[in-house]
Amino acid sequence: MACELCNFYKYSLKEIKDLDHRDFTMLFYGMQQIEAKRCLRSFNVSDYPTLKQDERSKLHRNMYKVAYPEDFVKRAVKTDDLVLI
């Protein structure tokens, strides 16, 4: 994980090791969100037309949860949500 952060943010390993846990976690999850947004963008261009509708919806929803976690709040599951599974 530390090496991924070094490559992504162009930090040295010493800089990563000197981070406190809160900052490390924040940078790590920020990196995941940025990567998920990039994947969504490339996914739309390359794979989207070739997938079946249900596979496309499930994959898109899972990537969207990582890219935009603030849009997903805990709530009761509705029957409409079960269609996506």
Foldseek 3Di string as FASTA:
>chain_A
DLVVLCVVVVDDSVVLVPDDPVVNVVSVLVVQLVVLVVCLVVCVVPPQVPDDPLVNLLVNVVSCCSNCVVVDDDDDDDPVNVVSD
